[in-house]
């Protein structure tokens, strides 16, 4: 699988993925995706703090993740990025979203983004679970925020600070190194240890 920044030529497959998800009616608040020319303008107009990463597998784009400035008109919120993750149904639960997030997190650390925010439909518990595993926590709830046809749904607001993710990753690496060393010492033959003691 290849994770890379999107180009203008990716607008069509991105639109196809979003159109399919919108048709499912359960996983996104987007009910009417932008037409192709507007999708192309969006990709062309991304600021230096924004990015769209796509995931390629088996010769096709199977998902993408967007990072947009939370409030483009407010300089006081320029450090906050809004996340969105979109996958083809057959590629869900296969680690694609996690790989996309690794790329997005790396971009955020290099672009002075200090905080991620995500809005998830209340009925999309699978997405909420995924973001919690990444470190996001629920920080709010918009009542009846989504209305598609005659159906209404709340939106769950979740956030996490980039620095918290960096510290958690560093701690995980420390634990893995400590565990590795503990296993190595436990597997080292006692005879070898005794020989080392005699040499010393």
N, C-alpha and C. Protein backbone atom coordinates (compact mmCIF):
# COMPACT_ATOMS: atom_id res chain seq x y z
N UNK A 1 0.84 -1.19 0.00
CA UNK A 1 0.00 0.00 0.00
C UNK A 1 0.88 1.25 0.00
N UNK A 2 0.48 2.23 -0.78
CA UNK A 2 1.22 3.49 -0.89
C UNK A 2 0.36 4.61 -0.31
N UNK A 3 0.96 5.41 0.57
CA UNK A 3 0.30 6.60 1.11
C UNK A 3 1.04 7.81 0.56
N UNK A 4 0.31 8.72 -0.05
CA UNK A 4 0.96 9.89 -0.66
C UNK A 4 -0.01 11.07 -0.67
N UNK A 5 0.53 12.30 -0.81
CA UNK A 5 -0.35 13.47 -0.95
C UNK A 5 -1.16 13.38 -2.25
N UNK A 6 -2.37 13.84 -2.20
CA UNK A 6 -3.23 13.80 -3.39
C UNK A 6 -2.79 14.83 -4.42
N UNK A 7 -3.04 14.53 -5.68
CA UNK A 7 -2.81 15.47 -6.78
C UNK A 7 -4.16 15.76 -7.44
N UNK A 8 -4.16 16.70 -8.36
CA UNK A 8 -5.41 17.06 -9.03
C UNK A 8 -6.01 15.86 -9.78
N UNK A 9 -5.15 14.99 -10.27
CA UNK A 9 -5.65 13.82 -11.01
C UNK A 9 -6.38 12.84 -10.10
N UNK A 10 -6.25 13.01 -8.78
CA UNK A 10 -6.94 12.12 -7.84
C UNK A 10 -8.35 12.59 -7.53
N UNK A 11 -8.75 13.73 -8.06
CA UNK A 11 -10.06 14.28 -7.75
C UNK A 11 -11.19 13.31 -8.10
N UNK A 12 -11.07 12.66 -9.26
CA UNK A 12 -12.13 11.74 -9.69
C UNK A 12 -12.28 10.54 -8.77
N UNK A 13 -11.20 9.78 -8.46
CA UNK A 13 -11.36 8.66 -7.53
C UNK A 13 -11.78 9.10 -6.12
N UNK A 14 -11.31 10.27 -5.68
CA UNK A 14 -11.74 10.78 -4.38
C UNK A 14 -13.24 11.02 -4.39
N UNK A 15 -13.73 11.64 -5.47
CA UNK A 15 -15.16 11.90 -5.60
C UNK A 15 -15.95 10.60 -5.64
N UNK A 16 -15.42 9.59 -6.32
CA UNK A 16 -16.11 8.30 -6.40
C UNK A 16 -16.24 7.66 -5.02
N UNK A 17 -15.18 7.73 -4.23
CA UNK A 17 -15.21 7.16 -2.88
C UNK A 17 -16.23 7.90 -2.03
N UNK A 18 -16.19 9.23 -2.06
CA UNK A 18 -17.11 10.03 -1.24
C UNK A 18 -18.56 9.84 -1.67
N UNK A 19 -18.78 9.73 -2.97
CA UNK A 19 -20.14 9.52 -3.47
C UNK A 19 -20.70 8.19 -2.97
N UNK A 20 -19.87 7.15 -2.97
CA UNK A 20 -20.31 5.85 -2.48
C UNK A 20 -20.62 5.88 -1.00
N UNK A 21 -19.79 6.57 -0.20
CA UNK A 21 -20.02 6.65 1.24
C UNK A 21 -21.29 7.45 1.53
N UNK A 22 -21.46 8.55 0.80
CA UNK A 22 -22.67 9.36 1.00
C UNK A 22 -23.92 8.56 0.68
N UNK A 23 -23.85 7.70 -0.34
CA UNK A 23 -25.00 6.88 -0.72
C UNK A 23 -25.37 5.88 0.37
N UNK A 24 -24.38 5.47 1.19
CA UNK A 24 -24.68 4.55 2.29
C UNK A 24 -25.57 5.21 3.34
N UNK A 25 -25.45 6.53 3.47
CA UNK A 25 -26.32 7.29 4.35
C UNK A 25 -26.10 7.11 5.84
N UNK A 26 -24.95 6.54 6.24
CA UNK A 26 -24.77 6.22 7.65
C UNK A 26 -23.46 6.71 8.24
N UNK A 27 -22.47 7.02 7.40
CA UNK A 27 -21.13 7.24 7.91
C UNK A 27 -20.60 8.67 7.78
N UNK A 28 -21.31 9.53 7.10
CA UNK A 28 -20.85 10.90 6.93
C UNK A 28 -22.03 11.86 6.93
N UNK A 29 -21.73 13.11 7.28
CA UNK A 29 -22.77 14.15 7.23
C UNK A 29 -22.90 14.70 5.81
N UNK A 30 -22.00 14.31 4.94
CA UNK A 30 -22.04 14.79 3.55
C UNK A 30 -23.09 14.00 2.78
N UNK A 31 -24.10 14.67 2.33
CA UNK A 31 -25.16 14.00 1.57
C UNK A 31 -25.07 14.28 0.08
N UNK A 32 -24.43 15.40 -0.26
CA UNK A 32 -24.28 15.79 -1.67
C UNK A 32 -22.83 16.18 -1.93
N UNK A 33 -22.00 15.25 -2.35
CA UNK A 33 -20.58 15.58 -2.62
C UNK A 33 -20.43 16.65 -3.68
N UNK A 34 -19.33 17.39 -3.60
CA UNK A 34 -19.04 18.39 -4.61
C UNK A 34 -18.91 17.76 -5.99
N UNK A 35 -19.26 18.49 -7.03
CA UNK A 35 -18.99 17.99 -8.39
C UNK A 35 -17.48 17.99 -8.64
N UNK A 36 -17.06 17.35 -9.70
CA UNK A 36 -15.65 17.14 -9.97
C UNK A 36 -14.86 18.45 -10.04
N UNK A 37 -15.38 19.47 -10.72
CA UNK A 37 -14.62 20.71 -10.86
C UNK A 37 -14.43 21.40 -9.51
N UNK A 38 -15.39 21.28 -8.62
CA UNK A 38 -15.24 21.88 -7.30
C UNK A 38 -14.25 21.09 -6.44
N UNK A 39 -14.28 19.77 -6.62
CA UNK A 39 -13.31 18.93 -5.92
C UNK A 39 -11.89 19.26 -6.37
N UNK A 40 -11.71 19.50 -7.64
CA UNK A 40 -10.40 19.88 -8.17
C UNK A 40 -9.96 21.24 -7.62
N UNK A 41 -10.90 22.19 -7.52
CA UNK A 41 -10.57 23.51 -6.97
C UNK A 41 -10.17 23.39 -5.50
N UNK A 42 -10.85 22.49 -4.78
CA UNK A 42 -10.51 22.28 -3.37
C UNK A 42 -9.07 21.77 -3.23
N UNK A 43 -8.70 20.77 -4.01
CA UNK A 43 -7.35 20.22 -3.94
C UNK A 43 -6.30 21.26 -4.34
N UNK A 44 -6.62 22.06 -5.36
CA UNK A 44 -5.68 23.07 -5.83
C UNK A 44 -5.53 24.21 -4.83
N UNK A 45 -6.54 24.42 -4.01
CA UNK A 45 -6.54 25.56 -3.10
C UNK A 45 -6.11 25.25 -1.68
N UNK A 46 -5.62 24.05 -1.42
CA UNK A 46 -5.17 23.71 -0.07
C UNK A 46 -4.04 24.63 0.38
N UNK A 47 -4.13 25.12 1.60
CA UNK A 47 -3.09 25.99 2.13
C UNK A 47 -1.90 25.15 2.59
N UNK A 48 -0.84 25.82 3.03
CA UNK A 48 0.35 25.11 3.49
C UNK A 48 0.09 24.34 4.78
N UNK A 49 -1.02 24.62 5.45
CA UNK A 49 -1.38 23.91 6.67
C UNK A 49 -2.38 22.78 6.42
N UNK A 50 -2.73 22.56 5.16
CA UNK A 50 -3.76 21.58 4.81
C UNK A 50 -3.19 20.53 3.85
N UNK A 51 -3.79 19.34 3.92
CA UNK A 51 -3.32 18.27 3.05
C UNK A 51 -4.42 17.23 2.89
N UNK A 52 -4.36 16.52 1.78
CA UNK A 52 -5.18 15.32 1.57
C UNK A 52 -4.21 14.21 1.20
N UNK A 53 -4.24 13.13 1.97
CA UNK A 53 -3.44 11.95 1.65
C UNK A 53 -4.35 10.87 1.08
N UNK A 54 -3.86 10.18 0.07
CA UNK A 54 -4.61 9.07 -0.50
C UNK A 54 -3.87 7.77 -0.24
N UNK A 55 -4.62 6.68 -0.17
CA UNK A 55 -4.06 5.34 -0.01
C UNK A 55 -4.28 4.57 -1.31
N UNK A 56 -3.19 4.09 -1.88
CA UNK A 56 -3.25 3.30 -3.11
C UNK A 56 -2.97 1.84 -2.81
N UNK A 57 -3.79 0.97 -3.33
CA UNK A 57 -3.58 -0.48 -3.18
C UNK A 57 -4.17 -1.17 -4.39
N UNK A 58 -3.46 -2.17 -4.86
CA UNK A 58 -3.90 -2.95 -6.02
C UNK A 58 -4.20 -2.06 -7.22
N UNK A 59 -3.40 -1.00 -7.37
CA UNK A 59 -3.51 -0.14 -8.54
C UNK A 59 -4.63 0.88 -8.50
N UNK A 60 -5.26 1.05 -7.34
CA UNK A 60 -6.37 1.99 -7.26
C UNK A 60 -6.34 2.73 -5.93
N UNK A 61 -6.99 3.88 -5.88
CA UNK A 61 -7.11 4.63 -4.64
C UNK A 61 -8.28 4.03 -3.85
N UNK A 62 -8.00 3.60 -2.62
CA UNK A 62 -9.00 2.89 -1.82
C UNK A 62 -9.48 3.71 -0.63
N UNK A 63 -8.85 4.86 -0.42
CA UNK A 63 -9.27 5.71 0.70
C UNK A 63 -8.46 6.98 0.73
N UNK A 64 -8.93 7.93 1.52
CA UNK A 64 -8.17 9.18 1.66
C UNK A 64 -8.50 9.82 3.00
N UNK A 65 -7.62 10.70 3.42
CA UNK A 65 -7.82 11.44 4.67
C UNK A 65 -7.48 12.91 4.43
N UNK A 66 -8.36 13.77 4.88
CA UNK A 66 -8.17 15.21 4.69
C UNK A 66 -7.84 15.89 6.02
N UNK A 67 -7.01 16.91 5.94
CA UNK A 67 -6.72 17.76 7.09
C UNK A 67 -6.94 19.20 6.63
N UNK A 68 -7.99 19.84 7.17
CA UNK A 68 -8.33 21.20 6.81
C UNK A 68 -8.20 22.10 8.03
N UNK A 69 -7.90 23.36 7.80
CA UNK A 69 -7.89 24.33 8.89
C UNK A 69 -9.29 24.42 9.46
N UNK A 70 -9.40 24.33 10.79
CA UNK A 70 -10.70 24.29 11.46
C UNK A 70 -11.52 25.56 11.19
N UNK A 71 -10.88 26.72 11.30
CA UNK A 71 -11.59 27.99 11.10
C UNK A 71 -10.70 28.90 10.24
N UNK A 72 -10.81 28.80 8.92
CA UNK A 72 -9.90 29.52 8.02
C UNK A 72 -9.90 31.04 8.21
N UNK A 73 -11.00 31.60 8.71
CA UNK A 73 -11.09 33.06 8.83
C UNK A 73 -10.59 33.58 10.17
N UNK A 74 -10.18 32.68 11.07
CA UNK A 74 -9.74 33.09 12.40
C UNK A 74 -8.28 32.73 12.61
N UNK A 75 -7.43 33.75 12.68
CA UNK A 75 -6.01 33.51 12.90
C UNK A 75 -5.76 32.86 14.25
N UNK A 76 -6.63 33.11 15.22
CA UNK A 76 -6.45 32.57 16.57
C UNK A 76 -6.67 31.06 16.61
N UNK A 77 -7.24 30.48 15.54
CA UNK A 77 -7.47 29.04 15.49
C UNK A 77 -6.70 28.38 14.36
N UNK A 78 -5.67 29.05 13.87
CA UNK A 78 -4.90 28.51 12.75
C UNK A 78 -4.14 27.25 13.13
N UNK A 79 -3.99 27.00 14.42
CA UNK A 79 -3.24 25.82 14.88
C UNK A 79 -4.12 24.58 14.98
N UNK A 80 -5.41 24.71 14.67
CA UNK A 80 -6.36 23.60 14.81
C UNK A 80 -6.71 23.05 13.43
N UNK A 81 -6.58 21.74 13.26
CA UNK A 81 -6.92 21.11 12.00
C UNK A 81 -8.08 20.15 12.15
N UNK A 82 -8.98 20.15 11.17
CA UNK A 82 -10.12 19.24 11.17
C UNK A 82 -9.82 18.04 10.27
N UNK A 83 -10.06 16.87 10.82
CA UNK A 83 -9.72 15.62 10.14
C UNK A 83 -10.97 14.99 9.52
N UNK A 84 -10.77 14.32 8.40
CA UNK A 84 -11.83 13.54 7.78
C UNK A 84 -11.24 12.30 7.13
N UNK A 85 -11.84 11.13 7.36
CA UNK A 85 -11.30 9.87 6.82
C UNK A 85 -12.39 9.16 6.03
N UNK A 86 -12.04 8.73 4.82
CA UNK A 86 -13.03 8.14 3.92
C UNK A 86 -12.42 6.91 3.23
N UNK A 87 -13.07 5.76 3.39
CA UNK A 87 -12.54 4.51 2.84
C UNK A 87 -13.61 3.77 2.05
N UNK A 88 -13.17 3.05 1.03
CA UNK A 88 -14.07 2.15 0.32
C UNK A 88 -14.50 1.05 1.30
N UNK A 89 -15.75 0.59 1.22
CA UNK A 89 -16.27 -0.40 2.19
C UNK A 89 -15.39 -1.63 2.35
N UNK A 90 -14.88 -2.17 1.26
CA UNK A 90 -14.11 -3.42 1.32
C UNK A 90 -12.72 -3.22 1.92
N UNK A 91 -12.32 -1.97 2.14
CA UNK A 91 -11.01 -1.70 2.72
C UNK A 91 -11.09 -1.20 4.17
N UNK A 92 -12.25 -1.20 4.73
CA UNK A 92 -12.40 -0.80 6.13
C UNK A 92 -11.94 -1.93 7.04
N UNK A 93 -11.34 -1.56 8.16
CA UNK A 93 -10.87 -2.55 9.12
C UNK A 93 -9.62 -3.28 8.70
N UNK A 94 -8.88 -2.73 7.74
CA UNK A 94 -7.68 -3.39 7.24
C UNK A 94 -6.41 -2.55 7.46
N UNK A 95 -6.52 -1.57 8.34
CA UNK A 95 -5.35 -0.77 8.70
C UNK A 95 -5.06 0.41 7.79
N UNK A 96 -5.93 0.65 6.81
CA UNK A 96 -5.68 1.75 5.87
C UNK A 96 -5.78 3.10 6.58
N UNK A 97 -6.81 3.28 7.39
CA UNK A 97 -7.01 4.55 8.08
C UNK A 97 -5.85 4.88 9.01
N UNK A 98 -5.32 3.87 9.67
CA UNK A 98 -4.19 4.08 10.58
C UNK A 98 -2.95 4.53 9.81
N UNK A 99 -2.72 3.94 8.63
CA UNK A 99 -1.57 4.34 7.81
C UNK A 99 -1.75 5.77 7.29
N UNK A 100 -2.96 6.11 6.92
CA UNK A 100 -3.24 7.48 6.48
C UNK A 100 -2.97 8.46 7.61
N UNK A 101 -3.37 8.10 8.83
CA UNK A 101 -3.19 9.00 9.96
C UNK A 101 -1.71 9.21 10.28
N UNK A 102 -0.89 8.19 10.10
CA UNK A 102 0.55 8.35 10.31
C UNK A 102 1.09 9.46 9.42
N UNK A 103 0.68 9.46 8.16
CA UNK A 103 1.14 10.48 7.22
C UNK A 103 0.59 11.85 7.60
N UNK A 104 -0.67 11.90 8.00
CA UNK A 104 -1.28 13.17 8.40
C UNK A 104 -0.61 13.73 9.64
N UNK A 105 -0.31 12.87 10.60
CA UNK A 105 0.35 13.31 11.83
C UNK A 105 1.74 13.87 11.53
N UNK A 106 2.46 13.21 10.67
CA UNK A 106 3.79 13.70 10.29
C UNK A 106 3.69 15.07 9.63
N UNK A 107 2.71 15.23 8.75
CA UNK A 107 2.50 16.53 8.10
C UNK A 107 2.16 17.59 9.13
N UNK A 108 1.29 17.26 10.08
CA UNK A 108 0.87 18.22 11.10
C UNK A 108 2.04 18.70 11.94
N UNK A 109 2.93 17.79 12.29
CA UNK A 109 4.09 18.15 13.10
C UNK A 109 5.02 19.09 12.37
N UNK A 110 5.01 19.03 11.04
CA UNK A 110 5.88 19.88 10.23
C UNK A 110 5.21 21.19 9.83
N UNK A 111 3.91 21.30 10.05
CA UNK A 111 3.17 22.49 9.60
C UNK A 111 2.58 23.30 10.74
N UNK A 112 3.07 23.06 11.96
CA UNK A 112 2.65 23.83 13.14
C UNK A 112 1.19 23.62 13.52
N UNK A 113 0.63 22.51 13.10
CA UNK A 113 -0.72 22.14 13.57
C UNK A 113 -0.57 21.54 14.97
N UNK A 114 -1.26 22.10 15.95
CA UNK A 114 -1.08 21.67 17.33
C UNK A 114 -2.24 20.81 17.84
N UNK A 115 -3.35 20.80 17.11
CA UNK A 115 -4.54 20.11 17.62
C UNK A 115 -5.37 19.58 16.46
N UNK A 116 -5.89 18.36 16.64
CA UNK A 116 -6.82 17.77 15.68
C UNK A 116 -8.24 17.80 16.26
N UNK A 117 -9.20 18.09 15.38
CA UNK A 117 -10.61 18.02 15.74
C UNK A 117 -11.31 17.17 14.70
N UNK A 118 -12.26 16.36 15.14
CA UNK A 118 -13.04 15.53 14.22
C UNK A 118 -14.50 15.54 14.62
N UNK A 119 -15.38 15.62 13.65
CA UNK A 119 -16.81 15.49 13.90
C UNK A 119 -17.27 14.16 13.32
N UNK A 120 -17.88 13.34 14.16
CA UNK A 120 -18.30 12.00 13.76
C UNK A 120 -19.79 11.83 14.07
N UNK A 121 -20.52 11.28 13.14
CA UNK A 121 -21.94 11.03 13.40
C UNK A 121 -22.10 10.09 14.59
N UNK A 122 -23.09 10.36 15.42
CA UNK A 122 -23.28 9.57 16.64
C UNK A 122 -23.53 8.11 16.35
N UNK A 123 -24.16 7.82 15.22
CA UNK A 123 -24.45 6.43 14.86
C UNK A 123 -23.22 5.71 14.30
N UNK A 124 -22.18 6.46 13.98
CA UNK A 124 -20.97 5.85 13.41
C UNK A 124 -20.02 5.47 14.54
N UNK A 125 -20.42 4.47 15.30
CA UNK A 125 -19.64 4.06 16.47
C UNK A 125 -18.31 3.44 16.07
N UNK A 126 -18.24 2.85 14.90
CA UNK A 126 -16.98 2.25 14.44
C UNK A 126 -15.91 3.33 14.28
N UNK A 127 -16.26 4.46 13.69
CA UNK A 127 -15.31 5.54 13.53
C UNK A 127 -14.90 6.12 14.88
N UNK A 128 -15.86 6.25 15.78
CA UNK A 128 -15.54 6.77 17.11
C UNK A 128 -14.53 5.87 17.82
N UNK A 129 -14.72 4.58 17.70
CA UNK A 129 -13.78 3.62 18.31
C UNK A 129 -12.39 3.76 17.71
N UNK A 130 -12.33 3.92 16.39
CA UNK A 130 -11.05 4.09 15.71
C UNK A 130 -10.32 5.32 16.22
N UNK A 131 -11.02 6.45 16.30
CA UNK A 131 -10.37 7.68 16.75
C UNK A 131 -9.97 7.62 18.21
N UNK A 132 -10.75 6.92 19.02
CA UNK A 132 -10.35 6.76 20.43
C UNK A 132 -9.05 5.96 20.53
N UNK A 133 -8.91 4.96 19.69
CA UNK A 133 -7.66 4.18 19.69
C UNK A 133 -6.47 5.05 19.33
N UNK A 134 -6.69 6.05 18.50
CA UNK A 134 -5.61 6.95 18.13
C UNK A 134 -5.27 7.92 19.25
N UNK A 135 -6.21 8.13 20.17
CA UNK A 135 -5.97 9.06 21.27
C UNK A 135 -6.98 10.17 21.38
N UNK A 136 -7.94 10.24 20.45
CA UNK A 136 -8.98 11.27 20.51
C UNK A 136 -9.92 11.01 21.68
N UNK A 137 -10.46 12.10 22.23
CA UNK A 137 -11.45 12.01 23.30
C UNK A 137 -12.67 12.85 22.92
N UNK A 138 -13.85 12.40 23.33
CA UNK A 138 -15.05 13.17 23.06
C UNK A 138 -15.03 14.45 23.90
N UNK A 139 -15.30 15.58 23.25
CA UNK A 139 -15.31 16.85 23.96
C UNK A 139 -16.59 17.64 23.76
N UNK A 140 -17.55 17.05 23.04
CA UNK A 140 -18.81 17.75 22.83
C UNK A 140 -19.77 16.92 21.99
N UNK A 141 -20.98 17.43 21.89
CA UNK A 141 -22.01 16.74 21.10
C UNK A 141 -22.97 17.78 20.53
N UNK A 142 -23.15 17.74 19.22
CA UNK A 142 -24.09 18.63 18.55
C UNK A 142 -25.40 17.88 18.33
N UNK A 143 -26.43 18.32 19.01
CA UNK A 143 -27.73 17.64 18.91
C UNK A 143 -28.38 17.88 17.55
N UNK A 144 -28.88 16.80 16.96
CA UNK A 144 -29.60 16.87 15.67
C UNK A 144 -28.84 17.72 14.66
N UNK A 145 -27.53 17.57 14.60
CA UNK A 145 -26.69 18.36 13.72
C UNK A 145 -26.82 17.92 12.26
N UNK A 146 -27.16 16.66 12.05
CA UNK A 146 -27.26 16.11 10.70
C UNK A 146 -28.72 15.76 10.39
N UNK A 147 -29.17 16.21 9.26
CA UNK A 147 -30.51 15.83 8.80
C UNK A 147 -30.43 15.44 7.34
N UNK A 148 -30.64 14.15 7.07
CA UNK A 148 -30.62 13.62 5.71
C UNK A 148 -31.96 12.95 5.47
N UNK A 149 -32.73 13.51 4.54
CA UNK A 149 -34.10 13.03 4.34
C UNK A 149 -34.92 13.34 5.59
N UNK A 150 -35.53 12.32 6.13
CA UNK A 150 -36.31 12.49 7.35
C UNK A 150 -35.57 12.04 8.60
N UNK A 151 -34.31 11.67 8.42
CA UNK A 151 -33.52 11.15 9.53
C UNK A 151 -32.62 12.23 10.13
N UNK A 152 -32.59 12.29 11.45
CA UNK A 152 -31.70 13.21 12.16
C UNK A 152 -30.66 12.41 12.95
N UNK A 153 -29.50 13.01 13.12
CA UNK A 153 -28.43 12.35 13.87
C UNK A 153 -27.61 13.42 14.58
N UNK A 154 -27.12 13.08 15.76
CA UNK A 154 -26.18 13.97 16.46
C UNK A 154 -24.80 13.81 15.85
N UNK A 155 -23.94 14.79 16.13
CA UNK A 155 -22.53 14.66 15.77
C UNK A 155 -21.70 14.73 17.04
N UNK A 156 -20.76 13.81 17.14
CA UNK A 156 -19.84 13.76 18.27
C UNK A 156 -18.59 14.56 17.90
N UNK A 157 -18.20 15.47 18.78
CA UNK A 157 -16.99 16.26 18.58
C UNK A 157 -15.87 15.63 19.40
N UNK A 158 -14.75 15.32 18.74
CA UNK A 158 -13.60 14.69 19.38
C UNK A 158 -12.35 15.50 19.06
N UNK A 159 -11.39 15.51 20.00
CA UNK A 159 -10.15 16.22 19.73
C UNK A 159 -8.97 15.56 20.42
N UNK A 160 -7.78 15.96 19.99
CA UNK A 160 -6.53 15.48 20.61
C UNK A 160 -5.43 16.47 20.23
N UNK A 161 -4.49 16.68 21.15
CA UNK A 161 -3.35 17.55 20.86
C UNK A 161 -2.23 16.74 20.22
N UNK A 162 -1.59 17.33 19.23
CA UNK A 162 -0.51 16.65 18.51
C UNK A 162 0.62 16.28 19.47
N UNK A 163 0.91 17.16 20.43
CA UNK A 163 1.98 16.89 21.39
C UNK A 163 1.66 15.65 22.23
N UNK A 164 0.39 15.46 22.58
CA UNK A 164 -0.01 14.27 23.33
C UNK A 164 0.28 13.01 22.53
N UNK A 165 0.02 13.06 21.24
CA UNK A 165 0.28 11.90 20.37
C UNK A 165 1.78 11.64 20.27
N UNK A 166 2.58 12.72 20.20
CA UNK A 166 4.03 12.56 20.12
C UNK A 166 4.57 11.91 21.39
N UNK A 167 4.10 12.38 22.56
CA UNK A 167 4.57 11.82 23.83
C UNK A 167 4.13 10.37 23.97
N UNK A 168 2.90 10.06 23.55
CA UNK A 168 2.42 8.68 23.64
C UNK A 168 3.24 7.76 22.75
N UNK A 169 3.60 8.23 21.56
CA UNK A 169 4.41 7.42 20.64
C UNK A 169 5.80 7.19 21.23
N UNK A 170 6.38 8.23 21.84
CA UNK A 170 7.70 8.10 22.44
C UNK A 170 7.67 7.12 23.61
N UNK A 171 6.61 7.19 24.40
CA UNK A 171 6.48 6.28 25.54
C UNK A 171 6.31 4.84 25.07
N UNK A 172 5.56 4.66 23.99
CA UNK A 172 5.36 3.32 23.44
C UNK A 172 6.67 2.74 22.96
N UNK A 173 7.48 3.58 22.29
CA UNK A 173 8.79 3.10 21.82
C UNK A 173 9.68 2.72 23.01
N UNK A 174 9.62 3.51 24.10
CA UNK A 174 10.41 3.20 25.28
C UNK A 174 10.00 1.86 25.89
N UNK A 175 8.68 1.64 25.97
CA UNK A 175 8.17 0.38 26.53
C UNK A 175 8.60 -0.80 25.66
N UNK A 176 8.53 -0.62 24.33
CA UNK A 176 8.92 -1.70 23.43
C UNK A 176 10.41 -2.02 23.57
N UNK A 177 11.24 -0.97 23.69
CA UNK A 177 12.68 -1.21 23.86
C UNK A 177 12.96 -1.91 25.19
N UNK A 178 12.26 -1.48 26.24
CA UNK A 178 12.47 -2.09 27.57
C UNK A 178 12.04 -3.55 27.55
N UNK A 179 10.91 -3.82 26.90
CA UNK A 179 10.41 -5.20 26.82
C UNK A 179 11.38 -6.07 26.03
N UNK A 180 11.90 -5.51 24.93
CA UNK A 180 12.85 -6.24 24.10
C UNK A 180 14.09 -6.62 24.91
N UNK A 181 14.64 -5.66 25.64
CA UNK A 181 15.84 -5.93 26.42
C UNK A 181 15.56 -6.95 27.52
N UNK A 182 14.37 -6.86 28.14
CA UNK A 182 14.02 -7.81 29.19
C UNK A 182 13.94 -9.23 28.63
N UNK A 183 13.37 -9.36 27.42
CA UNK A 183 13.26 -10.68 26.79
C UNK A 183 14.64 -11.23 26.46
N UNK A 184 15.51 -10.37 25.92
CA UNK A 184 16.86 -10.81 25.57
C UNK A 184 17.60 -11.33 26.80
N UNK A 185 17.53 -10.59 27.90
CA UNK A 185 18.21 -11.02 29.13
C UNK A 185 17.62 -12.32 29.67
N UNK A 186 16.29 -12.46 29.54
CA UNK A 186 15.66 -13.67 30.06
C UNK A 186 16.01 -14.90 29.24
N UNK A 187 16.32 -14.69 27.94
CA UNK A 187 16.65 -15.82 27.07
C UNK A 187 18.14 -16.13 27.04
N UNK A 188 18.96 -15.25 27.60
CA UNK A 188 20.41 -15.46 27.58
C UNK A 188 20.76 -16.64 28.48
N UNK A 189 21.43 -17.65 27.96
CA UNK A 189 21.73 -18.86 28.76
C UNK A 189 22.50 -18.51 30.03
N UNK A 190 22.13 -19.19 31.12
CA UNK A 190 22.79 -18.96 32.40
C UNK A 190 24.28 -19.27 32.31
N UNK A 191 24.65 -20.30 31.51
CA UNK A 191 26.05 -20.66 31.36
C UNK A 191 26.84 -19.51 30.74
N UNK A 192 26.21 -18.85 29.77
CA UNK A 192 26.86 -17.71 29.14
C UNK A 192 27.05 -16.59 30.14
N UNK A 193 26.00 -16.36 30.96
CA UNK A 193 26.08 -15.32 31.98
C UNK A 193 27.18 -15.63 32.98
N UNK A 194 27.30 -16.90 33.37
CA UNK A 194 28.34 -17.30 34.33
C UNK A 194 29.72 -17.10 33.73
N UNK A 195 29.85 -17.42 32.44
CA UNK A 195 31.14 -17.24 31.76
C UNK A 195 31.54 -15.78 31.73
N UNK A 196 30.55 -14.94 31.48
CA UNK A 196 30.83 -13.49 31.45
C UNK A 196 31.28 -13.04 32.83
N UNK A 197 30.63 -13.56 33.87
CA UNK A 197 31.01 -13.18 35.23
C UNK A 197 32.45 -13.60 35.54
N UNK A 198 32.85 -14.80 35.06
CA UNK A 198 34.21 -15.26 35.31
C UNK A 198 35.24 -14.40 34.60
N UNK A 199 34.88 -14.01 33.36
CA UNK A 199 35.80 -13.17 32.59
C UNK A 199 35.97 -11.82 33.27
N UNK A 200 34.85 -11.28 33.74
CA UNK A 200 34.89 -9.98 34.43
C UNK A 200 35.63 -10.13 35.74
